[in-house]
Amino acid sequence: MPPSLDIVIVNWNAGNLLRRCIASIPSALTGGFTLQRLVVLDNASRDGSAEGLVETLPLTVLRNRSNRGFAAGCNQGAVGSTADYILFLNPDTRLGPDSLGPALAFLEDPANAGVGVLGIRLRGEDGTVQRSCARAPNASRLAAQAVGLDRLLPRLFRPHFMTEWDHADTRSVDQVMGAFLMIRRSLFERLGGFDERYFVYFDDVDLCLSARRAGWDVVHFAGGEAEHKGCGTTESIKDIRLFYSLRSRLLFSGKRFGLAGILIVSVTTLTVEPLIRTSLALLRGNPGDAAAVWRGARMLWADLPAVLPRLLRHRDAL
């Protein structure tokens, strides 16, 4: 039997990007596999982007009355899947003939039976290869990133994304980006799906870490390729994007680090980083970005009563 695939796209006001993404899928249906379902989970979009979608594919559109976030949306879209593999795909991606078939053939190869999660090479709209693979965070690395040491002294403080590597070869990595994340359905179910404590951001980091701890490999597969715009739906809400990014960082620390790690990440995230980001925005002559940083930081501080209890539960130190 050929391998089967479900594709899950979580949509929130993606506009024409979602239509462009879906329109690219038929060209990728080569290589001897079956697309069982294409699920678009719409998180209460207000732009009509989930209306009138093409029906030539095995498409199901699920609509939420409120925005449940990316992690919860992915889990909701995957409910009922019986496919061998699930692909979680961002609406700001565009597939091509080499996006799906070669990746599934790689996973089906008995030599790669230990590979549980796979990402492919992503290119920006200008054709530039994106550095989409990352290192598993630890407390010192997150603190260094918060204060900018990974950019000032990258040899001493390695950045999260593997910017020093051209992504031209296939290799095991700590994490692949959730913009294109293919996983064995049985493994996804065994891990309990994405952790819904993350509204958005760090959900892919956490899932890849859980897969590796369960004994599976996470692989960047250079034999497949897709286009990825990046920040396609959040460019206009930089303050909210920053809030959720910092909030998810704190929640990841609370889940994965000990008390010392939680403390150092919390202090740098809540105080030092907003000051540095604001100062840099002002030095660049961009008061709008500086204001967005402060709005995002205020939202994070206002949300602390909800976040703090979670920082002290479910610790699983690295």
Protein backbone atom coordinates (compact mmCIF):
# COMPACT_ATOMS: atom_id res chain seq x y z
CA MET A 1 0.00 0.00 0.00
CA PRO A 2 1.30 3.50 -0.80
CA PRO A 3 1.85 5.77 2.20
CA SER A 4 -1.02 8.05 3.15
CA LEU A 5 -0.85 11.67 4.24
CA ASP A 6 -3.07 14.20 5.95
CA ILE A 7 -2.25 17.92 5.68
CA VAL A 8 -3.36 20.28 8.45
CA ILE A 9 -3.26 24.05 7.92
CA VAL A 10 -4.13 26.37 10.80
CA ASN A 11 -5.43 29.64 9.41
CA TRP A 12 -5.85 33.03 11.03
CA ASN A 13 -6.47 35.96 8.69
CA ALA A 14 -3.97 34.68 6.13
CA GLY A 15 -5.82 36.33 3.26
CA ASN A 16 -4.70 35.29 -0.20
CA LEU A 17 -1.72 33.43 1.27
CA LEU A 18 -4.02 30.57 2.25
CA ARG A 19 -5.48 30.32 -1.24
CA ARG A 20 -2.01 30.44 -2.75
CA CYS A 21 -0.88 27.66 -0.41
CA ILE A 22 -3.83 25.40 -1.23
CA ALA A 23 -3.48 26.09 -4.95
CA SER A 24 0.11 24.82 -4.77
CA ILE A 25 -0.82 21.43 -3.29
CA PRO A 26 -1.95 19.63 -6.48
CA SER A 27 1.50 20.10 -8.06
CA ALA A 28 3.01 18.32 -5.04
CA LEU A 29 0.79 15.23 -5.29
CA THR A 30 3.41 13.14 -7.08
CA GLY A 31 5.57 10.27 -5.94
CA GLY A 32 3.10 7.47 -5.25
CA PHE A 33 1.31 8.47 -2.04
CA THR A 34 -2.30 9.14 -1.12
CA LEU A 35 -3.55 12.46 0.24
CA GLN A 36 -6.37 11.34 2.52
CA ARG A 37 -7.41 14.69 3.94
CA LEU A 38 -6.61 18.36 3.69
CA VAL A 39 -7.89 20.06 6.84
CA VAL A 40 -8.04 23.83 7.15
CA LEU A 41 -8.65 24.80 10.76
CA ASP A 42 -9.79 28.41 10.81
CA ASN A 43 -9.22 30.22 14.09
CA ALA A 44 -12.03 32.80 13.87
CA SER A 45 -10.57 34.71 10.92
CA ARG A 46 -12.27 38.00 10.10
CA ASP A 47 -10.91 38.47 6.59
CA GLY A 48 -12.97 35.77 4.85
CA SER A 49 -9.82 33.82 4.00
CA ALA A 50 -11.44 30.47 4.80
CA GLU A 51 -14.48 31.10 2.60
CA GLY A 52 -14.95 29.68 -0.88
CA LEU A 53 -11.86 27.47 -0.87
CA VAL A 54 -11.18 25.10 -3.76
CA GLU A 55 -13.10 21.82 -3.51
CA THR A 56 -11.07 19.75 -5.96
CA LEU A 57 -9.01 18.36 -3.06
CA PRO A 58 -10.27 16.18 -0.16
CA LEU A 59 -10.79 19.40 1.78
CA THR A 60 -12.43 19.83 5.17
CA VAL A 61 -12.80 23.30 6.68
CA LEU A 62 -13.28 23.49 10.46
CA ARG A 63 -14.19 26.84 11.99
CA ASN A 64 -13.61 27.96 15.55
CA ARG A 65 -15.67 30.74 17.09
CA SER A 66 -12.56 32.05 18.83
CA ASN A 67 -8.84 31.89 18.15
CA ARG A 68 -7.61 28.84 20.03
CA GLY A 69 -4.00 29.28 18.92
CA PHE A 70 -1.68 27.28 16.69
CA ALA A 71 -0.97 24.28 18.92
CA ALA A 72 -4.62 23.65 19.79
CA GLY A 73 -5.61 24.23 16.17
CA CYS A 74 -3.11 21.65 14.93
CA ASN A 75 -4.39 19.09 17.42
CA GLN A 76 -7.98 19.82 16.48
CA GLY A 77 -7.21 19.45 12.78
CA ALA A 78 -5.47 16.12 13.36
CA VAL A 79 -8.40 14.54 15.24
CA GLY A 80 -9.66 11.48 13.44
CA SER A 81 -6.60 11.09 11.23
CA THR A 82 -5.91 7.55 10.05
CA ALA A 83 -3.10 8.48 7.67
CA ASP A 84 0.44 7.18 8.06
CA TYR A 85 1.82 10.71 8.26
CA ILE A 86 0.54 14.17 9.15
CA LEU A 87 1.99 17.35 7.66
CA PHE A 88 1.46 20.55 9.62
CA LEU A 89 1.77 23.32 7.06
CA ASN A 90 1.66 27.09 7.49
CA PRO A 91 -0.66 29.05 5.18
CA ASP A 92 2.25 31.28 4.08
CA THR A 93 4.01 28.34 2.42
CA ARG A 94 3.82 27.24 -1.20
CA LEU A 95 4.57 23.66 -2.23
CA GLY A 96 6.19 22.36 -5.39
CA PRO A 97 6.74 19.01 -7.13
CA ASP A 98 9.61 18.13 -4.78
CA SER A 99 7.87 19.05 -1.52
CA LEU A 100 6.02 15.88 -0.54
CA GLY A 101 6.87 12.77 -2.59
CA PRO A 102 10.63 12.69 -1.88
CA ALA A 103 10.04 13.39 1.85
CA LEU A 104 7.55 10.54 2.16
CA ALA A 105 9.83 8.20 0.21
CA PHE A 106 12.63 9.06 2.65
CA LEU A 107 10.42 8.24 5.65
CA GLU A 108 9.21 5.02 4.03
CA ASP A 109 12.76 3.76 3.49
CA PRO A 110 13.39 1.01 6.09
CA ALA A 111 16.80 2.54 6.71
CA ASN A 112 15.00 5.61 8.10
CA ALA A 113 12.53 3.77 10.32
CA GLY A 114 13.86 5.68 13.34
CA VAL A 115 13.01 9.09 11.88
CA GLY A 116 9.87 10.43 13.51
CA VAL A 117 9.79 14.08 12.46
CA LEU A 118 10.92 15.63 9.19
CA GLY A 119 11.30 19.10 7.75
CA ILE A 120 12.42 20.14 4.28
CA ARG A 121 14.47 23.00 2.88
CA LEU A 122 12.52 26.27 2.95
CA ARG A 123 13.19 29.20 0.66
CA GLY A 124 11.99 32.76 0.95
CA GLU A 125 10.14 34.51 -1.82
CA ASP A 126 13.48 35.80 -3.11
CA GLY A 127 14.85 32.25 -3.35
CA THR A 128 17.14 32.53 -0.33
CA VAL A 129 17.41 29.35 1.75
CA GLN A 130 15.99 29.99 5.20
CA ARG A 131 17.85 28.75 8.24
CA SER A 132 14.88 26.81 9.57
CA CYS A 133 16.58 24.18 11.79
CA ALA A 134 17.39 24.96 15.38
CA ARG A 135 19.15 23.82 18.51
CA ALA A 136 17.24 22.61 21.55
CA PRO A 137 17.09 25.52 24.00
CA ASN A 138 18.62 25.42 27.45
CA ALA A 139 18.35 28.12 30.10
CA SER A 140 21.68 29.80 29.40
CA ARG A 141 21.03 29.85 25.65
CA LEU A 142 17.61 31.43 26.07
CA ALA A 143 19.01 34.04 28.46
CA ALA A 144 21.83 34.84 26.02
CA GLN A 145 19.33 35.24 23.20
CA ALA A 146 17.19 37.53 25.35
CA VAL A 147 20.04 39.99 25.87
CA GLY A 148 21.46 39.67 22.35
CA LEU A 149 24.67 37.81 23.15
CA ASP A 150 23.98 35.27 20.41
CA ARG A 151 24.21 38.12 17.90
CA LEU A 152 27.14 39.91 19.48
CA LEU A 153 29.24 36.81 20.25
CA PRO A 154 27.84 33.96 18.13
CA ARG A 155 30.91 31.78 18.61
CA LEU A 156 30.44 31.78 22.37
CA PHE A 157 26.65 31.92 22.48
CA ARG A 158 25.20 29.86 19.67
CA PRO A 159 22.00 31.29 18.19
CA HIS A 160 18.79 29.30 18.27
CA PHE A 161 18.63 28.78 14.52
CA MET A 162 21.56 27.07 12.83
CA THR A 163 22.60 30.10 10.78
CA GLU A 164 26.12 28.78 10.23
CA TRP A 165 24.87 25.82 8.17
CA ASP A 166 23.56 26.18 4.61
CA HIS A 167 20.89 23.45 5.01
CA ALA A 168 22.10 21.88 1.77
CA ASP A 169 22.52 18.36 3.16
CA THR A 170 20.25 15.93 4.99
CA ARG A 171 21.05 15.49 8.66
CA SER A 172 19.60 14.90 12.10
CA VAL A 173 18.85 18.13 13.96
CA ASP A 174 17.30 19.12 17.28
CA GLN A 175 14.33 20.89 15.73
CA VAL A 176 12.64 21.64 12.42
CA MET A 177 10.35 24.61 11.98
CA GLY A 178 6.61 24.16 12.35
CA ALA A 179 5.99 25.91 9.00
CA PHE A 180 6.51 22.46 7.42
CA LEU A 181 6.57 19.70 10.00
CA MET A 182 5.85 16.14 8.88
CA ILE A 183 5.45 13.51 11.59
CA ARG A 184 4.42 9.88 11.81
CA ARG A 185 0.81 9.90 12.91
CA SER A 186 1.40 7.10 15.42
CA LEU A 187 4.19 9.13 17.05
CA PHE A 188 2.08 12.29 17.12
CA GLU A 189 -0.64 10.41 18.97
CA ARG A 190 1.85 8.77 21.33
CA LEU A 191 3.26 12.18 22.27
CA GLY A 192 -0.21 13.59 22.86
CA GLY A 193 0.09 16.08 20.01
CA PHE A 194 1.26 19.65 20.47
CA ASP A 195 1.28 21.05 24.00
CA GLU A 196 -1.65 23.45 24.02
CA ARG A 197 -0.14 25.59 26.74
CA TYR A 198 1.70 27.29 23.88
CA PHE A 199 -0.74 29.54 22.06
CA VAL A 200 1.85 30.01 19.34
CA TYR A 201 5.67 29.71 19.22
CA PHE A 202 7.78 27.06 20.97
CA ASP A 203 5.13 24.43 20.20
CA ASP A 204 7.36 22.99 17.45
CA VAL A 205 10.43 23.28 19.69
CA ASP A 206 8.68 21.33 22.43
CA LEU A 207 7.26 18.65 20.14
CA CYS A 208 10.64 17.94 18.52
CA LEU A 209 12.28 17.73 21.93
CA SER A 210 9.63 15.27 23.12
CA ALA A 211 10.12 13.15 19.99
CA ARG A 212 13.88 12.97 20.49
CA ARG A 213 13.47 12.09 24.16
CA ALA A 214 11.18 9.27 23.10
CA GLY A 215 14.04 7.88 21.01
CA TRP A 216 13.12 9.23 17.57
CA ASP A 217 15.25 11.24 15.16
CA VAL A 218 14.28 14.67 13.88
CA VAL A 219 15.67 15.17 10.37
CA HIS A 220 16.15 18.04 7.98
CA PHE A 221 15.62 16.50 4.55
CA ALA A 222 17.41 18.46 1.85
CA GLY A 223 15.77 16.46 -0.95
CA GLY A 224 12.51 18.37 -0.58
CA GLU A 225 11.81 22.07 -0.91
CA ALA A 226 9.01 24.59 -0.39
CA GLU A 227 8.61 28.36 -0.36
CA HIS A 228 7.93 30.07 2.96
CA LYS A 229 7.08 33.74 3.28
CA GLY A 230 7.50 33.94 7.07
CA CYS A 231 5.50 36.17 9.46
CA GLY A 232 2.82 36.19 6.80
CA THR A 233 -0.07 36.76 9.22
CA THR A 234 1.63 38.59 12.12
CA GLU A 235 3.62 41.41 10.49
CA SER A 236 0.91 43.94 11.34
CA ILE A 237 0.63 42.90 15.02
CA LYS A 238 4.24 43.04 16.20
CA ASP A 239 3.26 43.76 19.80
CA ILE A 240 0.98 40.71 20.03
CA ARG A 241 3.57 38.56 18.22
CA LEU A 242 6.22 39.58 20.74
CA PHE A 243 3.88 38.93 23.66
CA TYR A 244 3.15 35.37 22.60
CA SER A 245 6.79 34.68 21.75
CA LEU A 246 8.01 35.79 25.19
CA ARG A 247 5.11 34.12 26.95
CA SER A 248 5.83 30.80 25.25
CA ARG A 249 9.49 31.10 26.18
CA LEU A 250 8.52 31.41 29.83
CA LEU A 251 6.15 28.45 29.59
CA PHE A 252 8.81 26.33 27.90
CA SER A 253 11.22 27.20 30.71
CA GLY A 254 8.65 26.25 33.30
CA LYS A 255 8.10 22.89 31.65
CA ARG A 256 11.68 21.96 30.81
CA PHE A 257 14.05 23.68 33.24
CA GLY A 258 14.77 23.58 36.95
CA LEU A 259 14.19 26.49 39.30
CA ALA A 260 17.53 28.19 38.55
CA GLY A 261 16.86 28.05 34.81
CA ILE A 262 13.34 29.35 35.22
CA LEU A 263 14.65 32.30 37.25
CA ILE A 264 17.36 33.36 34.81
CA VAL A 265 15.07 33.09 31.78
CA SER A 266 12.25 34.94 33.55
CA VAL A 267 14.43 37.85 34.68
CA THR A 268 16.03 38.42 31.28
CA THR A 269 12.73 37.98 29.42
CA LEU A 270 10.65 40.24 31.65
CA THR A 271 13.12 43.08 32.19
CA VAL A 272 16.35 43.11 30.19
CA GLU A 273 15.07 42.13 26.77
CA PRO A 274 12.30 44.76 26.50
CA LEU A 275 14.80 47.48 27.43
CA ILE A 276 17.31 46.31 24.84
CA ARG A 277 14.69 45.93 22.11
CA THR A 278 13.28 49.39 22.82
CA SER A 279 16.70 51.03 22.81
CA LEU A 280 17.68 49.41 19.52
CA ALA A 281 14.40 50.45 17.87
CA LEU A 282 14.94 54.05 18.96
CA LEU A 283 18.56 54.04 17.78
CA ARG A 284 17.33 52.88 14.38
CA GLY A 285 14.87 55.77 14.32
CA ASN A 286 11.81 53.53 14.56
CA PRO A 287 9.63 54.75 17.44
CA GLY A 288 6.73 52.64 16.17
CA ASP A 289 8.66 49.42 16.80
CA ALA A 290 9.76 50.73 20.20
CA ALA A 291 6.13 51.35 21.14
CA ALA A 292 5.19 47.86 19.96
CA VAL A 293 7.87 46.36 22.22
CA TRP A 294 6.49 48.16 25.24
CA ARG A 295 2.92 47.16 24.43
CA GLY A 296 4.02 43.53 24.11
CA ALA A 297 5.96 43.73 27.39
CA ARG A 298 2.98 45.26 29.18
CA MET A 299 0.74 42.47 27.95
CA LEU A 300 3.22 39.92 29.28
CA TRP A 301 3.39 41.55 32.70
CA ALA A 302 -0.42 41.76 32.81
CA ASP A 303 -0.61 38.03 32.02
CA LEU A 304 1.84 37.00 34.75
CA PRO A 305 -0.87 35.93 37.23
CA ALA A 306 -1.88 33.27 34.69
CA VAL A 307 1.67 32.35 33.65
CA LEU A 308 3.44 32.15 37.01
CA PRO A 309 1.59 29.06 38.35
CA ARG A 310 2.53 27.19 35.18
CA LEU A 311 6.22 28.01 35.61
CA LEU A 312 6.34 25.87 38.70
CA ARG A 313 4.45 22.85 37.38
CA HIS A 314 5.51 19.96 35.17
CA ARG A 315 9.22 20.73 35.40
CA ASP A 316 11.29 18.33 33.34
CA ALA A 317 14.86 19.63 33.59
CA LEU A 318 17.10 19.15 30.58
